[in-house]
Amino acid sequence: MSIDKSDSTEIRSGFKAFDVQKGAALRTAVQRKEAEFQLAGPHLIRLAKGAAPYRESLSPFQRSARRILGRRFIDYRNPALETGLEQARMAIRPEDYWAYVILSTSIAAVGGIIVAFLMGLLFALVGAPLSLLIILTIIPFALPGVVFWMTSGTPRRKAKARKRNIEKRISYAMSFISAMSSANVNVDVIFKELSRQSIYGEIQREAQWITRDIELMGKDVLSALKDAATRSPSPKWQDFLQGVITTSASGGQLKPYFLMKTDQFNKDRRIQEKTLMETLGMLAETFVTVVVAAPLFLIVMMSLMATVNSASGGFILLMLYVIVLVMIPMSQIGFIVLISSMVEEV
């Protein structure tokens, strides 16, 4: 079979024309991208719901603290504070938060000195004993200490609250993830859908940050999951994300892994619920003994003592007032706070 010279010339000319058109199209695409990059500048991007988490703004007092003391703490480094702010999802830089803590403590110290001085003048005018005046000297030291402890420990307390919230809902979130995985949905899509489910509490926020890292920051799925595991306050959630990373990196299948973690977290939840019910039963018996039976026994005994010994009737009456007005309400409030801290509706 032979090819004419004219046919070969036409084939070569066709390939040349294709190469020229391809090169021109590539140059046009590159030039268009460069022009868009040069002309775009700062601009808004419309993201899908769940792609970016909600960002909290600074309060007016925190902004004032940053303006007054922020520059003094630019080089301040506190790894524990940075970890606490990151795990608590508080949208404030460590140096700004430390300026807020110092300013709050300073204001509390000045306020404590003013309050102690005014109360000292009042006690001196009414002729209060010297022991009360000595007690007033504690206020300028106690008030700023309490304020410093409360403000500096806020990130840590919020991180612990987020940890409890995540671990109370992780078994239900695993059921959602397993159901999505059974339909052969990709991992990034699973977390994106999870970021839209508000019933999962703080797990939704964790999924929102994973989706943000993937869609907005341009990270790959494994890097986003690794960063999420690093900044999460819950060891269970960290262990789950590390397992996803290990399984994906080793070429394993995620569907059996998700099913296994679902069974594991469901068993843990049943054990925790059983332990909680036993604890609540013990607290109920303690409540009946301490809050109901013991005050009634004391009231009856003191009433009998007052009728037998009338000389000490004034002291016994005072103790009855203390039992009825202080002991019983405070013990009930204590049990309410204890039980409410143990039980949270999911």
C-alpha atoms as a PDB file:
ATOM      1  CA  MET A   1       0.000   0.000   0.000  1.00  0.00           C
ATOM      2  CA  SER A   2       1.524   3.320  -1.048  1.00  0.00           C
ATOM      3  CA  ILE A   3       0.730   6.866   0.046  1.00  0.00           C
ATOM      4  CA  ASP A   4       0.895   9.663  -2.506  1.00  0.00           C
ATOM      5  CA  LYS A   5       3.163  12.622  -1.862  1.00  0.00           C
ATOM      6  CA  SER A   6       0.157  14.955  -2.011  1.00  0.00           C
ATOM      7  CA  ASP A   7      -1.650  12.925   0.683  1.00  0.00           C
ATOM      8  CA  SER A   8       1.380  12.994   3.006  1.00  0.00           C
ATOM      9  CA  THR A   9       1.671  16.745   2.501  1.00  0.00           C
ATOM     10  CA  GLU A  10      -1.971  17.213   3.462  1.00  0.00           C
ATOM     11  CA  ILE A  11      -1.502  15.062   6.611  1.00  0.00           C
ATOM     12  CA  ARG A  12       1.569  17.067   7.673  1.00  0.00           C
ATOM     13  CA  SER A  13      -0.216  20.352   7.055  1.00  0.00           C
ATOM     14  CA  GLY A  14      -3.210  19.105   9.093  1.00  0.00           C
ATOM     15  CA  PHE A  15      -0.971  18.232  12.075  1.00  0.00           C
ATOM     16  CA  LYS A  16       0.772  21.606  11.811  1.00  0.00           C
ATOM     17  CA  ALA A  17      -2.561  23.416  11.781  1.00  0.00           C
ATOM     18  CA  PHE A  18      -3.668  21.405  14.829  1.00  0.00           C
ATOM     19  CA  ASP A  19      -0.439  22.247  16.678  1.00  0.00           C
ATOM     20  CA  VAL A  20      -0.815  25.931  15.824  1.00  0.00           C
ATOM     21  CA  GLN A  21      -4.432  25.995  17.025  1.00  0.00           C
ATOM     22  CA  LYS A  22      -3.536  24.099  20.220  1.00  0.00           C
ATOM     23  CA  GLY A  23      -0.638  26.464  20.975  1.00  0.00           C
ATOM     24  CA  ALA A  24      -2.834  29.504  20.344  1.00  0.00           C
ATOM     25  CA  ALA A  25      -5.558  28.112  22.614  1.00  0.00           C
ATOM     26  CA  LEU A  26      -3.054  27.416  25.393  1.00  0.00           C
ATOM     27  CA  ARG A  27      -1.545  30.912  25.106  1.00  0.00           C
ATOM     28  CA  THR A  28      -5.025  32.423  25.146  1.00  0.00           C
ATOM     29  CA  ALA A  29      -5.993  30.443  28.263  1.00  0.00           C
ATOM     30  CA  VAL A  30      -2.773  31.397  30.065  1.00  0.00           C
ATOM     31  CA  GLN A  31      -3.170  35.061  29.114  1.00  0.00           C
ATOM     32  CA  ARG A  32      -6.783  35.013  30.284  1.00  0.00           C
ATOM     33  CA  LYS A  33      -5.811  33.550  33.648  1.00  0.00           C
ATOM     34  CA  GLU A  34      -3.007  36.082  34.075  1.00  0.00           C
ATOM     35  CA  ALA A  35      -5.365  38.935  33.222  1.00  0.00           C
ATOM     36  CA  GLU A  36      -7.961  37.656  35.696  1.00  0.00           C
ATOM     37  CA  PHE A  37      -5.292  37.341  38.376  1.00  0.00           C
ATOM     38  CA  GLN A  38      -4.018  40.886  37.777  1.00  0.00           C
ATOM     39  CA  LEU A  39      -7.469  42.490  37.649  1.00  0.00           C
ATOM     40  CA  ALA A  40      -9.167  40.507  40.396  1.00  0.00           C
ATOM     41  CA  GLY A  41      -7.556  41.958  43.533  1.00  0.00           C
ATOM     42  CA  PRO A  42      -9.442  41.558  46.807  1.00  0.00           C
ATOM     43  CA  HIS A  43     -12.921  40.264  46.063  1.00  0.00           C
ATOM     44  CA  LEU A  44     -15.738  38.297  47.649  1.00  0.00           C
ATOM     45  CA  ILE A  45     -16.209  34.582  47.058  1.00  0.00           C
ATOM     46  CA  ARG A  46     -19.599  32.952  47.498  1.00  0.00           C
ATOM     47  CA  LEU A  47     -19.087  29.688  49.321  1.00  0.00           C
ATOM     48  CA  ALA A  48     -21.476  26.822  49.735  1.00  0.00           C
ATOM     49  CA  LYS A  49     -23.223  26.451  53.072  1.00  0.00           C
ATOM     50  CA  GLY A  50     -20.890  24.755  55.533  1.00  0.00           C
ATOM     51  CA  ALA A  51     -17.717  25.700  53.644  1.00  0.00           C
ATOM     52  CA  ALA A  52     -16.690  28.322  56.194  1.00  0.00           C
ATOM     53  CA  PRO A  53     -17.517  28.313  59.912  1.00  0.00           C
ATOM     54  CA  TYR A  54     -18.990  31.243  61.773  1.00  0.00           C
ATOM     55  CA  ARG A  55     -16.353  33.679  63.017  1.00  0.00           C
ATOM     56  CA  GLU A  56     -16.859  35.494  66.283  1.00  0.00           C
ATOM     57  CA  SER A  57     -15.925  39.164  66.538  1.00  0.00           C
ATOM     58  CA  LEU A  58     -14.136  40.810  69.446  1.00  0.00           C
ATOM     59  CA  SER A  59     -16.173  42.522  72.109  1.00  0.00           C
ATOM     60  CA  PRO A  60     -15.707  46.289  72.609  1.00  0.00           C
ATOM     61  CA  PHE A  61     -13.766  45.645  75.811  1.00  0.00           C
ATOM     62  CA  GLN A  62     -11.436  43.195  74.052  1.00  0.00           C
ATOM     63  CA  ARG A  63     -10.836  45.701  71.266  1.00  0.00           C
ATOM     64  CA  SER A  64     -10.015  48.349  73.872  1.00  0.00           C
ATOM     65  CA  ALA A  65      -7.574  45.957  75.560  1.00  0.00           C
ATOM     66  CA  ARG A  66      -5.887  45.320  72.203  1.00  0.00           C
ATOM     67  CA  ARG A  67      -5.517  49.054  71.559  1.00  0.00           C
ATOM     68  CA  ILE A  68      -4.160  49.761  75.051  1.00  0.00           C
ATOM     69  CA  LEU A  69      -1.941  46.737  75.736  1.00  0.00           C
ATOM     70  CA  GLY A  70      -1.854  44.743  72.504  1.00  0.00           C
ATOM     71  CA  ARG A  71       1.543  45.995  71.307  1.00  0.00           C
ATOM     72  CA  ARG A  72       3.191  45.086  74.596  1.00  0.00           C
ATOM     73  CA  PHE A  73       2.393  41.400  74.051  1.00  0.00           C
ATOM     74  CA  ILE A  74       3.212  41.054  70.333  1.00  0.00           C
ATOM     75  CA  ASP A  75       6.126  38.729  71.121  1.00  0.00           C
ATOM     76  CA  TYR A  76       4.331  36.970  73.971  1.00  0.00           C
ATOM     77  CA  ARG A  77       4.297  33.189  73.566  1.00  0.00           C
ATOM     78  CA  ASN A  78       2.148  30.893  75.703  1.00  0.00           C
ATOM     79  CA  PRO A  79       1.712  27.432  74.124  1.00  0.00           C
ATOM     80  CA  ALA A  80      -0.942  26.411  76.663  1.00  0.00           C
ATOM     81  CA  LEU A  81      -3.006  29.536  75.921  1.00  0.00           C
ATOM     82  CA  GLU A  82      -2.618  29.070  72.154  1.00  0.00           C
ATOM     83  CA  THR A  83      -3.758  25.447  72.410  1.00  0.00           C
ATOM     84  CA  GLY A  84      -6.693  26.423  74.623  1.00  0.00           C
ATOM     85  CA  LEU A  85      -7.867  29.165  72.260  1.00  0.00           C
ATOM     86  CA  GLU A  86      -7.568  26.847  69.275  1.00  0.00           C
ATOM     87  CA  GLN A  87      -9.435  23.993  70.931  1.00  0.00           C
ATOM     88  CA  ALA A  88     -12.112  26.368  72.282  1.00  0.00           C
ATOM     89  CA  ARG A  89     -12.557  27.869  68.783  1.00  0.00           C
ATOM     90  CA  MET A  90     -12.176  31.398  70.134  1.00  0.00           C
ATOM     91  CA  ALA A  91     -11.461  33.761  67.249  1.00  0.00           C
ATOM     92  CA  ILE A  92      -8.872  35.903  69.005  1.00  0.00           C
ATOM     93  CA  ARG A  93      -5.086  35.966  68.854  1.00  0.00           C
ATOM     94  CA  PRO A  94      -3.153  34.861  71.980  1.00  0.00           C
ATOM     95  CA  GLU A  95      -1.511  38.256  72.475  1.00  0.00           C
ATOM     96  CA  ASP A  96      -4.882  40.027  72.224  1.00  0.00           C
ATOM     97  CA  TYR A  97      -6.468  37.644  74.702  1.00  0.00           C
ATOM     98  CA  TRP A  98      -3.578  38.033  77.131  1.00  0.00           C
ATOM     99  CA  ALA A  99      -3.961  41.822  76.903  1.00  0.00           C
ATOM    100  CA  TYR A 100      -7.656  41.336  77.726  1.00  0.00           C
ATOM    101  CA  VAL A 101      -6.732  39.210  80.774  1.00  0.00           C
ATOM    102  CA  ILE A 102      -4.190  41.741  82.077  1.00  0.00           C
ATOM    103  CA  LEU A 103      -6.522  44.709  81.578  1.00  0.00           C
ATOM    104  CA  SER A 104      -9.398  42.896  83.327  1.00  0.00           C
ATOM    105  CA  THR A 105      -7.130  41.988  86.249  1.00  0.00           C
ATOM    106  CA  SER A 106      -5.828  45.558  86.527  1.00  0.00           C
ATOM    107  CA  ILE A 107      -9.345  46.999  86.570  1.00  0.00           C
ATOM    108  CA  ALA A 108     -10.366  44.432  89.198  1.00  0.00           C
ATOM    109  CA  ALA A 109      -7.349  45.383  91.346  1.00  0.00           C
ATOM    110  CA  VAL A 110      -8.223  49.092  91.209  1.00  0.00           C
ATOM    111  CA  GLY A 111     -11.867  48.294  91.919  1.00  0.00           C
ATOM    112  CA  GLY A 112     -10.887  46.086  94.857  1.00  0.00           C
ATOM    113  CA  ILE A 113      -8.791  48.868  96.391  1.00  0.00           C
ATOM    114  CA  ILE A 114     -11.643  51.377  96.014  1.00  0.00           C
ATOM    115  CA  VAL A 115     -14.222  48.976  97.494  1.00  0.00           C
ATOM    116  CA  ALA A 116     -11.953  48.082 100.426  1.00  0.00           C
ATOM    117  CA  PHE A 117     -11.287  51.777 101.138  1.00  0.00           C
ATOM    118  CA  LEU A 118     -14.971  52.730 101.059  1.00  0.00           C
ATOM    119  CA  MET A 119     -16.019  49.775 103.193  1.00  0.00           C
ATOM    120  CA  GLY A 120     -13.218  50.568 105.652  1.00  0.00           C
ATOM    121  CA  LEU A 121     -14.504  54.132 106.025  1.00  0.00           C
ATOM    122  CA  LEU A 122     -18.039  52.834 106.547  1.00  0.00           C
ATOM    123  CA  PHE A 123     -16.950  50.336 109.202  1.00  0.00           C
ATOM    124  CA  ALA A 124     -14.862  52.987 110.937  1.00  0.00           C
ATOM    125  CA  LEU A 125     -17.851  55.339 111.081  1.00  0.00           C
ATOM    126  CA  VAL A 126     -20.155  52.705 112.610  1.00  0.00           C
ATOM    127  CA  GLY A 127     -17.450  51.516 115.011  1.00  0.00           C
ATOM    128  CA  ALA A 128     -16.980  48.019 113.602  1.00  0.00           C
ATOM    129  CA  PRO A 129     -14.485  45.709 115.307  1.00  0.00           C
ATOM    130  CA  LEU A 130     -10.869  45.711 114.203  1.00  0.00           C
ATOM    131  CA  SER A 131     -11.113  42.129 112.919  1.00  0.00           C
ATOM    132  CA  LEU A 132     -13.521  43.245 110.157  1.00  0.00           C
ATOM    133  CA  LEU A 133     -11.114  45.981 109.079  1.00  0.00           C
ATOM    134  CA  ILE A 134      -8.342  43.390 108.820  1.00  0.00           C
ATOM    135  CA  ILE A 135     -10.565  41.157 106.691  1.00  0.00           C
ATOM    136  CA  LEU A 136     -11.084  44.065 104.270  1.00  0.00           C
ATOM    137  CA  THR A 137      -7.381  43.965 103.365  1.00  0.00           C
ATOM    138  CA  ILE A 138      -8.023  40.654 101.600  1.00  0.00           C
ATOM    139  CA  ILE A 139     -10.354  42.241  99.011  1.00  0.00           C
ATOM    140  CA  PRO A 140      -7.652  44.075  96.938  1.00  0.00           C
ATOM    141  CA  PHE A 141      -5.814  40.762  96.521  1.00  0.00           C
ATOM    142  CA  ALA A 142      -8.734  38.335  96.278  1.00  0.00           C
ATOM    143  CA  LEU A 143     -10.785  40.212  93.658  1.00  0.00           C
ATOM    144  CA  PRO A 144      -8.027  40.513  90.971  1.00  0.00           C
ATOM    145  CA  GLY A 145      -6.977  36.930  91.704  1.00  0.00           C
ATOM    146  CA  VAL A 146     -10.497  35.659  91.056  1.00  0.00           C
ATOM    147  CA  VAL A 147     -10.812  37.761  87.876  1.00  0.00           C
ATOM    148  CA  PHE A 148      -7.430  36.529  86.590  1.00  0.00           C
ATOM    149  CA  TRP A 149      -8.384  32.909  87.297  1.00  0.00           C
ATOM    150  CA  MET A 150     -11.738  33.276  85.540  1.00  0.00           C
ATOM    151  CA  THR A 151     -10.470  35.115  82.439  1.00  0.00           C
ATOM    152  CA  SER A 152      -7.276  33.109  81.929  1.00  0.00           C
ATOM    153  CA  GLY A 153      -9.132  29.819  82.425  1.00  0.00           C
ATOM    154  CA  THR A 154     -12.009  30.606  80.065  1.00  0.00           C
ATOM    155  CA  PRO A 155     -10.394  28.973  76.968  1.00  0.00           C
ATOM    156  CA  ARG A 156      -9.617  25.831  78.924  1.00  0.00           C
ATOM    157  CA  ARG A 157     -13.156  25.606  80.315  1.00  0.00           C
ATOM    158  CA  LYS A 158     -14.690  26.195  76.876  1.00  0.00           C
ATOM    159  CA  ALA A 159     -12.425  23.521  75.391  1.00  0.00           C
ATOM    160  CA  LYS A 160     -13.563  21.042  78.064  1.00  0.00           C
ATOM    161  CA  ALA A 161     -17.198  21.931  77.362  1.00  0.00           C
ATOM    162  CA  ARG A 162     -16.615  21.320  73.634  1.00  0.00           C
ATOM    163  CA  LYS A 163     -14.927  17.998  74.473  1.00  0.00           C
ATOM    164  CA  ARG A 164     -17.963  16.846  76.473  1.00  0.00           C
ATOM    165  CA  ASN A 165     -20.307  17.996  73.707  1.00  0.00           C
ATOM    166  CA  ILE A 166     -18.365  16.096  71.041  1.00  0.00           C
ATOM    167  CA  GLU A 167     -18.100  12.886  73.027  1.00  0.00           C
ATOM    168  CA  LYS A 168     -21.824  12.910  73.887  1.00  0.00           C
ATOM    169  CA  ARG A 169     -22.779  13.116  70.201  1.00  0.00           C
ATOM    170  CA  ILE A 170     -19.993  11.183  68.503  1.00  0.00           C
ATOM    171  CA  SER A 171     -21.890   7.871  68.419  1.00  0.00           C
ATOM    172  CA  TYR A 172     -24.823   9.513  66.605  1.00  0.00           C
ATOM    173  CA  ALA A 173     -22.475  11.293  64.198  1.00  0.00           C
ATOM    174  CA  MET A 174     -20.763   7.958  63.455  1.00  0.00           C
ATOM    175  CA  SER A 175     -24.126   6.510  62.408  1.00  0.00           C
ATOM    176  CA  PHE A 176     -24.555   9.407  59.970  1.00  0.00           C
ATOM    177  CA  ILE A 177     -21.023   8.955  58.599  1.00  0.00           C
ATOM    178  CA  SER A 178     -21.505   5.180  58.206  1.00  0.00           C
ATOM    179  CA  ALA A 179     -24.783   5.701  56.349  1.00  0.00           C
ATOM    180  CA  MET A 180     -23.107   8.153  53.962  1.00  0.00           C
ATOM    181  CA  SER A 181     -20.156   5.819  53.474  1.00  0.00           C
ATOM    182  CA  SER A 182     -22.489   2.896  52.677  1.00  0.00           C
ATOM    183  CA  ALA A 183     -23.684   4.913  49.676  1.00  0.00           C
ATOM    184  CA  ASN A 184     -20.038   5.180  48.455  1.00  0.00           C
ATOM    185  CA  VAL A 185     -19.859   8.923  49.134  1.00  0.00           C
ATOM    186  CA  ASN A 186     -16.389  10.498  49.157  1.00  0.00           C
ATOM    187  CA  VAL A 187     -14.846  11.507  52.474  1.00  0.00           C
ATOM    188  CA  ASP A 188     -14.817  15.243  51.716  1.00  0.00           C
ATOM    189  CA  VAL A 189     -18.502  15.132  50.759  1.00  0.00           C
ATOM    190  CA  ILE A 190     -19.317  13.213  53.967  1.00  0.00           C
ATOM    191  CA  PHE A 191     -17.762  15.915  56.135  1.00  0.00           C
ATOM    192  CA  LYS A 192     -19.376  18.643  54.053  1.00  0.00           C
ATOM    193  CA  GLU A 193     -22.797  17.104  54.613  1.00  0.00           C
ATOM    194  CA  LEU A 194     -21.968  16.619  58.288  1.00  0.00           C
ATOM    195  CA  SER A 195     -21.138  20.329  58.523  1.00  0.00           C
ATOM    196  CA  ARG A 196     -24.745  21.119  57.595  1.00  0.00           C
ATOM    197  CA  GLN A 197     -26.293  19.025  60.388  1.00  0.00           C
ATOM    198  CA  SER A 198     -26.841  21.292  63.387  1.00  0.00           C
ATOM    199  CA  ILE A 199     -28.125  18.454  65.603  1.00  0.00           C
ATOM    200  CA  TYR A 200     -24.557  17.186  66.096  1.00  0.00           C
ATOM    201  CA  GLY A 201     -23.447  20.254  68.041  1.00  0.00           C
ATOM    202  CA  GLU A 202     -19.702  20.804  68.146  1.00  0.00           C
ATOM    203  CA  ILE A 203     -19.072  17.944  65.728  1.00  0.00           C
ATOM    204  CA  GLN A 204     -20.775  20.114  63.123  1.00  0.00           C
ATOM    205  CA  ARG A 205     -18.245  22.883  63.849  1.00  0.00           C
ATOM    206  CA  GLU A 206     -15.365  20.415  63.511  1.00  0.00           C
ATOM    207  CA  ALA A 207     -16.747  19.312  60.144  1.00  0.00           C
ATOM    208  CA  GLN A 208     -17.146  22.955  59.105  1.00  0.00           C
ATOM    209  CA  TRP A 209     -13.458  23.603  59.736  1.00  0.00           C
ATOM    210  CA  ILE A 210     -12.490  20.493  57.764  1.00  0.00           C
ATOM    211  CA  THR A 211     -14.671  21.668  54.864  1.00  0.00           C
ATOM    212  CA  ARG A 212     -13.184  25.152  55.118  1.00  0.00           C
ATOM    213  CA  ASP A 213      -9.632  23.787  54.901  1.00  0.00           C
ATOM    214  CA  ILE A 214     -10.528  21.718  51.832  1.00  0.00           C
ATOM    215  CA  GLU A 215     -12.667  24.166  49.825  1.00  0.00           C
ATOM    216  CA  LEU A 216     -11.315  27.539  50.926  1.00  0.00           C
ATOM    217  CA  MET A 217      -7.696  26.890  51.916  1.00  0.00           C
ATOM    218  CA  GLY A 218      -7.065  24.375  49.122  1.00  0.00           C
ATOM    219  CA  LYS A 219      -5.728  21.586  51.339  1.00  0.00           C
ATOM    220  CA  ASP A 220      -6.053  17.947  50.427  1.00  0.00           C
ATOM    221  CA  VAL A 221      -8.384  15.765  52.478  1.00  0.00           C
ATOM    222  CA  LEU A 222      -5.700  14.005  54.513  1.00  0.00           C
ATOM    223  CA  SER A 223      -3.949  17.274  55.459  1.00  0.00           C
ATOM    224  CA  ALA A 224      -7.275  18.822  56.498  1.00  0.00           C
ATOM    225  CA  LEU A 225      -8.106  15.786  58.636  1.00  0.00           C
ATOM    226  CA  LYS A 226      -4.645  15.828  60.211  1.00  0.00           C
ATOM    227  CA  ASP A 227      -4.983  19.503  61.165  1.00  0.00           C
ATOM    228  CA  ALA A 228      -8.476  18.867  62.535  1.00  0.00           C
ATOM    229  CA  ALA A 229      -7.175  16.013  64.694  1.00  0.00           C
ATOM    230  CA  THR A 230      -4.408  18.257  66.041  1.00  0.00           C
ATOM    231  CA  ARG A 231      -6.703  21.090  67.136  1.00  0.00           C
ATOM    232  CA  SER A 232      -9.631  19.004  68.434  1.00  0.00           C
ATOM    233  CA  PRO A 233     -10.181  18.915  72.228  1.00  0.00           C
ATOM    234  CA  SER A 234     -11.719  15.409  72.150  1.00  0.00           C
ATOM    235  CA  PRO A 235      -9.375  12.380  72.233  1.00  0.00           C
ATOM    236  CA  LYS A 236     -12.130  10.212  70.722  1.00  0.00           C
ATOM    237  CA  TRP A 237     -12.568  12.520  67.739  1.00  0.00           C
ATOM    238  CA  GLN A 238      -8.778  12.718  67.337  1.00  0.00           C
ATOM    239  CA  ASP A 239      -8.524   8.923  67.366  1.00  0.00           C
ATOM    240  CA  PHE A 240     -11.290   8.643  64.769  1.00  0.00           C
ATOM    241  CA  LEU A 241      -9.665  11.159  62.390  1.00  0.00           C
ATOM    242  CA  GLN A 242      -6.237   9.554  62.804  1.00  0.00           C
ATOM    243  CA  GLY A 243      -7.807   6.217  61.884  1.00  0.00           C
ATOM    244  CA  VAL A 244      -9.332   7.764  58.741  1.00  0.00           C
ATOM    245  CA  ILE A 245      -5.913   9.148  57.773  1.00  0.00           C
ATOM    246  CA  THR A 246      -4.112   5.848  58.423  1.00  0.00           C
ATOM    247  CA  THR A 247      -6.711   3.770  56.585  1.00  0.00           C
ATOM    248  CA  SER A 248      -6.719   6.091  53.554  1.00  0.00           C
ATOM    249  CA  ALA A 249      -2.918   6.377  53.409  1.00  0.00           C
ATOM    250  CA  SER A 250      -2.462   2.585  53.595  1.00  0.00           C
ATOM    251  CA  GLY A 251      -4.971   1.966  50.809  1.00  0.00           C
ATOM    252  CA  GLY A 252      -7.623   0.377  53.003  1.00  0.00           C
ATOM    253  CA  GLN A 253     -11.374   0.718  52.697  1.00  0.00           C
ATOM    254  CA  LEU A 254     -13.096   3.313  54.861  1.00  0.00           C
ATOM    255  CA  LYS A 255     -16.534   1.702  54.916  1.00  0.00           C
ATOM    256  CA  PRO A 256     -15.553  -1.219  57.239  1.00  0.00           C
ATOM    257  CA  TYR A 257     -13.591   1.220  59.401  1.00  0.00           C
ATOM    258  CA  PHE A 258     -16.614   3.519  59.798  1.00  0.00           C
ATOM    259  CA  LEU A 259     -18.835   0.563  60.698  1.00  0.00           C
ATOM    260  CA  MET A 260     -16.310  -0.661  63.264  1.00  0.00           C
ATOM    261  CA  LYS A 261     -16.042   2.794  64.907  1.00  0.00           C
ATOM    262  CA  THR A 262     -19.843   3.072  64.948  1.00  0.00           C
ATOM    263  CA  ASP A 263     -20.150  -0.191  66.868  1.00  0.00           C
ATOM    264  CA  GLN A 264     -17.346   0.851  69.214  1.00  0.00           C
ATOM    265  CA  PHE A 265     -18.851   4.250  70.061  1.00  0.00           C
ATOM    266  CA  ASN A 266     -22.338   2.764  70.461  1.00  0.00           C
ATOM    267  CA  LYS A 267     -20.985   0.241  72.980  1.00  0.00           C
ATOM    268  CA  ASP A 268     -19.164   3.021  74.834  1.00  0.00           C
ATOM    269  CA  ARG A 269     -22.371   5.085  74.921  1.00  0.00           C
ATOM    270  CA  ARG A 270     -24.375   2.188  76.369  1.00  0.00           C
ATOM    271  CA  ILE A 271     -21.743   1.630  79.051  1.00  0.00           C
ATOM    272  CA  GLN A 272     -21.714   5.342  79.917  1.00  0.00           C
ATOM    273  CA  GLU A 273     -25.503   5.452  80.121  1.00  0.00           C
ATOM    274  CA  LYS A 274     -25.541   2.425  82.422  1.00  0.00           C
ATOM    275  CA  THR A 275     -22.895   4.010  84.654  1.00  0.00           C
ATOM    276  CA  LEU A 276     -24.831   7.278  84.672  1.00  0.00           C
ATOM    277  CA  MET A 277     -28.052   5.561  85.720  1.00  0.00           C
ATOM    278  CA  GLU A 278     -26.257   3.811  88.598  1.00  0.00           C
ATOM    279  CA  THR A 279     -24.721   7.123  89.692  1.00  0.00           C
ATOM    280  CA  LEU A 280     -28.097   8.871  89.543  1.00  0.00           C
ATOM    281  CA  GLY A 281     -29.618   6.110  91.676  1.00  0.00           C
ATOM    282  CA  MET A 282     -26.911   6.558  94.290  1.00  0.00           C
ATOM    283  CA  LEU A 283     -27.428  10.344  94.239  1.00  0.00           C
ATOM    284  CA  ALA A 284     -31.182   9.879  94.692  1.00  0.00           C
ATOM    285  CA  GLU A 285     -30.591   7.816  97.840  1.00  0.00           C
ATOM    286  CA  THR A 286     -28.092  10.400  99.089  1.00  0.00           C
ATOM    287  CA  PHE A 287     -30.579  13.204  98.421  1.00  0.00           C
ATOM    288  CA  VAL A 288     -33.289  11.501 100.450  1.00  0.00           C
ATOM    289  CA  THR A 289     -30.887  10.899 103.328  1.00  0.00           C
ATOM    290  CA  VAL A 290     -29.048  14.243 103.411  1.00  0.00           C
ATOM    291  CA  VAL A 291     -31.596  16.764 102.148  1.00  0.00           C
ATOM    292  CA  VAL A 292     -34.896  15.266 103.360  1.00  0.00           C
ATOM    293  CA  ALA A 293     -34.363  12.999 106.374  1.00  0.00           C
ATOM    294  CA  ALA A 294     -31.415  14.712 108.088  1.00  0.00           C
ATOM    295  CA  PRO A 295     -32.953  18.251 108.261  1.00  0.00           C
ATOM    296  CA  LEU A 296     -36.261  16.842 109.548  1.00  0.00           C
ATOM    297  CA  PHE A 297     -34.412  14.884 112.231  1.00  0.00           C
ATOM    298  CA  LEU A 298     -32.450  17.980 113.284  1.00  0.00           C
ATOM    299  CA  ILE A 299     -35.578  20.147 113.379  1.00  0.00           C
ATOM    300  CA  VAL A 300     -37.434  17.655 115.588  1.00  0.00           C
ATOM    301  CA  MET A 301     -34.470  17.155 117.915  1.00  0.00           C
ATOM    302  CA  MET A 302     -33.808  20.879 118.329  1.00  0.00           C
ATOM    303  CA  SER A 303     -37.489  21.598 118.960  1.00  0.00           C
ATOM    304  CA  LEU A 304     -37.500  19.013 121.765  1.00  0.00           C
ATOM    305  CA  MET A 305     -34.279  20.444 123.196  1.00  0.00           C
ATOM    306  CA  ALA A 306     -35.795  23.948 123.185  1.00  0.00           C
ATOM    307  CA  THR A 307     -38.835  22.743 125.146  1.00  0.00           C
ATOM    308  CA  VAL A 308     -36.668  20.910 127.691  1.00  0.00           C
ATOM    309  CA  ASN A 309     -34.029  23.637 128.173  1.00  0.00           C
ATOM    310  CA  SER A 310     -35.618  27.036 127.825  1.00  0.00           C
ATOM    311  CA  ALA A 311     -32.353  28.847 128.676  1.00  0.00           C
ATOM    312  CA  SER A 312     -30.778  27.940 125.331  1.00  0.00           C
ATOM    313  CA  GLY A 313     -33.958  28.561 123.371  1.00  0.00           C
ATOM    314  CA  GLY A 314     -32.541  31.629 121.549  1.00  0.00           C
ATOM    315  CA  PHE A 315     -29.529  29.726 120.194  1.00  0.00           C
ATOM    316  CA  ILE A 316     -31.660  26.765 119.162  1.00  0.00           C
ATOM    317  CA  LEU A 317     -34.099  29.087 117.371  1.00  0.00           C
ATOM    318  CA  LEU A 318     -31.190  30.641 115.491  1.00  0.00           C
ATOM    319  CA  MET A 319     -29.967  27.186 114.436  1.00  0.00           C
ATOM    320  CA  LEU A 320     -33.460  26.302 113.216  1.00  0.00           C
ATOM    321  CA  TYR A 321     -33.467  29.435 111.073  1.00  0.00           C
ATOM    322  CA  VAL A 322     -30.065  28.413 109.658  1.00  0.00           C
ATOM    323  CA  ILE A 323     -31.308  24.903 108.852  1.00  0.00           C
ATOM    324  CA  VAL A 324     -34.538  26.043 107.205  1.00  0.00           C
ATOM    325  CA  LEU A 325     -33.293  29.132 105.370  1.00  0.00           C
ATOM    326  CA  VAL A 326     -29.699  28.163 104.529  1.00  0.00           C
ATOM    327  CA  MET A 327     -28.960  24.450 104.851  1.00  0.00           C
ATOM    328  CA  ILE A 328     -31.993  23.006 103.034  1.00  0.00           C
ATOM    329  CA  PRO A 329     -32.012  25.478 100.048  1.00  0.00           C
ATOM    330  CA  MET A 330     -28.233  25.307  99.548  1.00  0.00           C
ATOM    331  CA  SER A 331     -28.197  21.494  99.644  1.00  0.00           C
ATOM    332  CA  GLN A 332     -31.020  21.348  97.089  1.00  0.00           C
ATOM    333  CA  ILE A 333     -29.261  23.856  94.825  1.00  0.00           C
ATOM    334  CA  GLY A 334     -26.053  21.829  95.133  1.00  0.00           C
ATOM    335  CA  PHE A 335     -27.788  18.625  94.034  1.00  0.00           C
ATOM    336  CA  ILE A 336     -29.489  20.437  91.135  1.00  0.00           C
ATOM    337  CA  VAL A 337     -26.173  21.812  89.883  1.00  0.00           C
ATOM    338  CA  LEU A 338     -24.452  18.434  90.293  1.00  0.00           C
ATOM    339  CA  ILE A 339     -27.105  16.501  88.413  1.00  0.00           C
ATOM    340  CA  SER A 340     -27.409  19.117  85.656  1.00  0.00           C
ATOM    341  CA  SER A 341     -23.648  18.983  85.103  1.00  0.00           C
ATOM    342  CA  MET A 342     -23.803  15.195  84.752  1.00  0.00           C
ATOM    343  CA  VAL A 343     -26.868  14.924  82.528  1.00  0.00           C
ATOM    344  CA  GLU A 344     -27.165  16.792  79.248  1.00  0.00           C
ATOM    345  CA  GLU A 345     -29.962  16.297  76.775  1.00  0.00           C
ATOM    346  CA  VAL A 346     -28.642  14.968  73.456  1.00  0.00           C
END
